[in-house]
Amino acid sequence: MLTTEPVDAYDSAAWQSFAVAVVGAAAALAGLLVVACSININRVIELPSVVSRMAASLALFTGVLTAGTVLLVPGQDRWVAGIELAAVGGVMAAATARNHGLRAARREYRRNALGAAVLAVISSLLVVAAGVLCAARAGGGLYWLFPGVVVAFSVGLFNAWVALVEILR
């Protein structure tokens, strides 16, 4: 029978393996996004809503990469890491709210753009929650980072798919 010690929801050192995986994945996905945009750059530039969505996706990937990096700082106090994570999530939320692509989206694509924008902001707010709760040593702390990362990766990959395939339809 396999037994493991429980992971401390407020100790960034316990989350280092998660952070290493997240940093690597975020960097790879940011590269994928850049390649997806560059393949169809002429079409992407013609559509301001797509440009905005790609900027939001890059903000998500950069934010997740930065959040993972925060967890890798050795010997950092819990409350400092929490404040840094909350700040990263706040910047992610602001960037994704600003670059939602809704204003310039054609009518038939507004529902998809709205869904992606809402999920992007939610993922960012989950990172904020992870930081605040880690600093306060309450409410599950860093466990809120996991759904934030999963949603951020999902939204970013969906938007990369738009840049690579959907804009050619």
Protein backbone atom coordinates (compact mmCIF):
# COMPACT_ATOMS: atom_id res chain seq x y z
CA MET A 1 0.00 0.00 0.00
CA LEU A 2 1.35 3.40 -0.98
CA THR A 3 1.31 6.02 1.75
CA THR A 4 2.26 9.63 1.35
CA GLU A 5 2.54 12.55 3.65
CA PRO A 6 -0.11 15.25 3.14
CA VAL A 7 1.06 18.32 1.26
CA ASP A 8 1.05 21.56 3.22
CA ALA A 9 -1.31 23.96 1.46
CA TYR A 10 0.67 26.93 2.77
CA ASP A 11 4.28 25.82 2.25
CA SER A 12 5.67 26.74 -1.17
CA ALA A 13 8.54 24.26 -0.73
CA ALA A 14 6.01 21.43 -0.76
CA TRP A 15 4.77 22.67 -4.14
CA GLN A 16 8.13 22.75 -5.96
CA SER A 17 7.45 19.72 -8.19
CA PHE A 18 4.13 21.25 -9.21
CA ALA A 19 5.84 24.58 -9.83
CA VAL A 20 8.56 23.04 -12.01
CA ALA A 21 5.94 21.27 -14.14
CA VAL A 22 3.83 24.44 -14.43
CA VAL A 23 6.78 26.64 -15.38
CA GLY A 24 7.88 24.21 -18.11
CA ALA A 25 4.37 23.80 -19.48
CA ALA A 26 3.65 27.55 -19.43
CA ALA A 27 6.88 28.30 -21.30
CA ALA A 28 6.11 25.63 -23.91
CA LEU A 29 2.53 26.85 -24.35
CA ALA A 30 3.67 30.46 -24.72
CA GLY A 31 5.97 29.28 -27.49
CA LEU A 32 3.10 27.37 -29.11
CA LEU A 33 0.98 30.52 -29.02
CA VAL A 34 3.70 32.57 -30.71
CA VAL A 35 4.15 29.92 -33.41
CA ALA A 36 0.38 29.63 -33.94
CA CYS A 37 0.14 33.40 -34.40
CA SER A 38 3.16 33.61 -36.67
CA ILE A 39 1.87 30.89 -39.00
CA ASN A 40 -1.28 32.93 -39.76
CA ILE A 41 0.11 36.37 -38.90
CA ASN A 42 -1.53 38.15 -41.86
CA ARG A 43 -4.98 36.85 -40.94
CA VAL A 44 -4.44 37.39 -37.19
CA ILE A 45 -3.49 41.05 -37.72
CA GLU A 46 -6.60 41.61 -39.83
CA LEU A 47 -8.80 40.65 -36.85
CA PRO A 48 -8.35 42.96 -33.85
CA SER A 49 -10.45 40.67 -31.65
CA VAL A 50 -8.07 37.78 -32.31
CA VAL A 51 -5.05 39.96 -31.57
CA SER A 52 -6.64 40.89 -28.21
CA ARG A 53 -7.40 37.26 -27.39
CA MET A 54 -3.83 36.26 -28.20
CA ALA A 55 -2.56 39.02 -25.90
CA ALA A 56 -4.83 37.71 -23.13
CA SER A 57 -3.54 34.18 -23.69
CA LEU A 58 0.04 35.34 -23.53
CA ALA A 59 -0.80 37.15 -20.27
CA LEU A 60 -2.28 33.92 -18.90
CA PHE A 61 0.76 31.85 -19.83
CA THR A 62 3.14 34.51 -18.52
CA GLY A 63 1.18 34.80 -15.29
CA VAL A 64 1.18 31.05 -14.72
CA LEU A 65 4.90 30.91 -15.49
CA THR A 66 5.50 33.73 -12.99
CA ALA A 67 3.30 32.10 -10.34
CA GLY A 68 5.26 28.88 -10.68
CA THR A 69 8.50 30.80 -10.41
CA VAL A 70 7.29 32.44 -7.18
CA LEU A 71 6.90 28.98 -5.66
CA LEU A 72 10.47 28.10 -6.64
CA VAL A 73 12.13 30.96 -4.72
CA PRO A 74 14.08 29.20 -1.95
CA GLY A 75 13.42 30.10 1.67
CA GLN A 76 10.69 32.62 0.92
CA ASP A 77 8.22 33.33 3.71
CA ARG A 78 4.67 32.06 3.18
CA TRP A 79 3.11 35.50 3.40
CA VAL A 80 5.60 37.00 0.92
CA ALA A 81 4.91 34.23 -1.59
CA GLY A 82 1.19 34.73 -1.02
CA ILE A 83 1.38 38.45 -1.67
CA GLU A 84 3.45 37.85 -4.81
CA LEU A 85 0.95 35.27 -6.10
CA ALA A 86 -1.94 37.63 -5.42
CA ALA A 87 -0.13 40.39 -7.33
CA VAL A 88 0.58 38.06 -10.26
CA GLY A 89 -3.08 37.01 -10.34
CA GLY A 90 -4.17 40.64 -10.19
CA VAL A 91 -2.01 41.56 -13.17
CA MET A 92 -3.32 38.52 -15.04
CA ALA A 93 -6.91 39.54 -14.30
CA ALA A 94 -6.32 43.12 -15.44
CA ALA A 95 -4.56 42.03 -18.64
CA THR A 96 -7.19 39.47 -19.55
CA ALA A 97 -10.09 41.79 -18.73
CA ARG A 98 -8.54 44.49 -20.91
CA ASN A 99 -7.72 42.15 -23.81
CA HIS A 100 -10.93 40.18 -24.05
CA GLY A 101 -11.55 40.79 -27.75
CA LEU A 102 -15.30 41.31 -27.33
CA ARG A 103 -15.63 44.80 -28.76
CA ALA A 104 -14.09 43.92 -32.10
CA ALA A 105 -15.49 40.36 -32.37
CA ARG A 106 -17.97 39.69 -35.09
CA ARG A 107 -21.45 38.94 -33.80
CA GLU A 108 -21.28 35.19 -34.50
CA TYR A 109 -18.06 34.86 -32.45
CA ARG A 110 -19.04 36.98 -29.44
CA ARG A 111 -20.34 34.07 -27.37
CA ASN A 112 -17.05 32.18 -27.71
CA ALA A 113 -15.04 35.32 -27.02
CA LEU A 114 -17.16 36.08 -23.96
CA GLY A 115 -16.73 32.54 -22.63
CA ALA A 116 -12.97 32.70 -23.08
CA ALA A 117 -12.81 36.13 -21.44
CA VAL A 118 -14.86 35.09 -18.42
CA LEU A 119 -12.81 31.92 -17.92
CA ALA A 120 -9.56 33.87 -18.28
CA VAL A 121 -10.59 36.30 -15.55
CA ILE A 122 -11.80 33.44 -13.34
CA SER A 123 -8.47 31.63 -13.70
CA SER A 124 -6.67 34.83 -12.74
CA LEU A 125 -8.89 35.34 -9.71
CA LEU A 126 -8.15 31.76 -8.61
CA VAL A 127 -4.45 32.67 -8.60
CA VAL A 128 -5.29 35.75 -6.51
CA ALA A 129 -7.27 33.53 -4.11
CA ALA A 130 -4.36 31.10 -3.82
CA GLY A 131 -2.05 33.97 -2.91
CA VAL A 132 -4.36 35.65 -0.42
CA LEU A 133 -5.32 32.38 1.26
CA CYS A 134 -1.70 31.23 1.40
CA ALA A 135 -0.66 34.49 3.04
CA ALA A 136 -3.57 34.24 5.49
CA ARG A 137 -2.94 30.52 6.06
CA ALA A 138 -6.63 29.81 5.51
CA GLY A 139 -9.10 28.27 3.11
CA GLY A 140 -6.84 25.78 1.35
CA GLY A 141 -4.14 28.24 0.31
CA LEU A 142 -2.11 26.99 -2.63
CA TYR A 143 -4.67 24.36 -3.58
CA TRP A 144 -6.57 27.16 -5.35
CA LEU A 145 -3.62 27.53 -7.70
CA PHE A 146 -4.31 24.19 -9.37
CA PRO A 147 -7.74 25.05 -10.87
CA GLY A 148 -6.42 28.49 -11.82
CA VAL A 149 -3.58 26.92 -13.78
CA VAL A 150 -5.81 24.33 -15.44
CA VAL A 151 -8.34 26.94 -16.57
CA ALA A 152 -5.59 29.32 -17.75
CA PHE A 153 -3.97 26.57 -19.81
CA SER A 154 -7.35 25.54 -21.25
CA VAL A 155 -8.30 29.08 -22.28
CA GLY A 156 -4.86 29.75 -23.73
CA LEU A 157 -4.89 26.52 -25.74
CA PHE A 158 -8.38 27.26 -27.01
CA ASN A 159 -7.25 30.71 -28.15
CA ALA A 160 -4.13 29.22 -29.78
CA TRP A 161 -6.44 26.89 -31.69
CA VAL A 162 -8.39 29.95 -32.87
CA ALA A 163 -5.19 31.55 -34.16
CA LEU A 164 -4.00 28.39 -35.84
CA VAL A 165 -7.16 26.91 -37.33
CA GLU A 166 -10.41 28.76 -36.73
CA ILE A 167 -9.43 32.06 -38.33
CA LEU A 168 -8.87 30.26 -41.62
CA ARG A 169 -12.48 29.09 -41.83
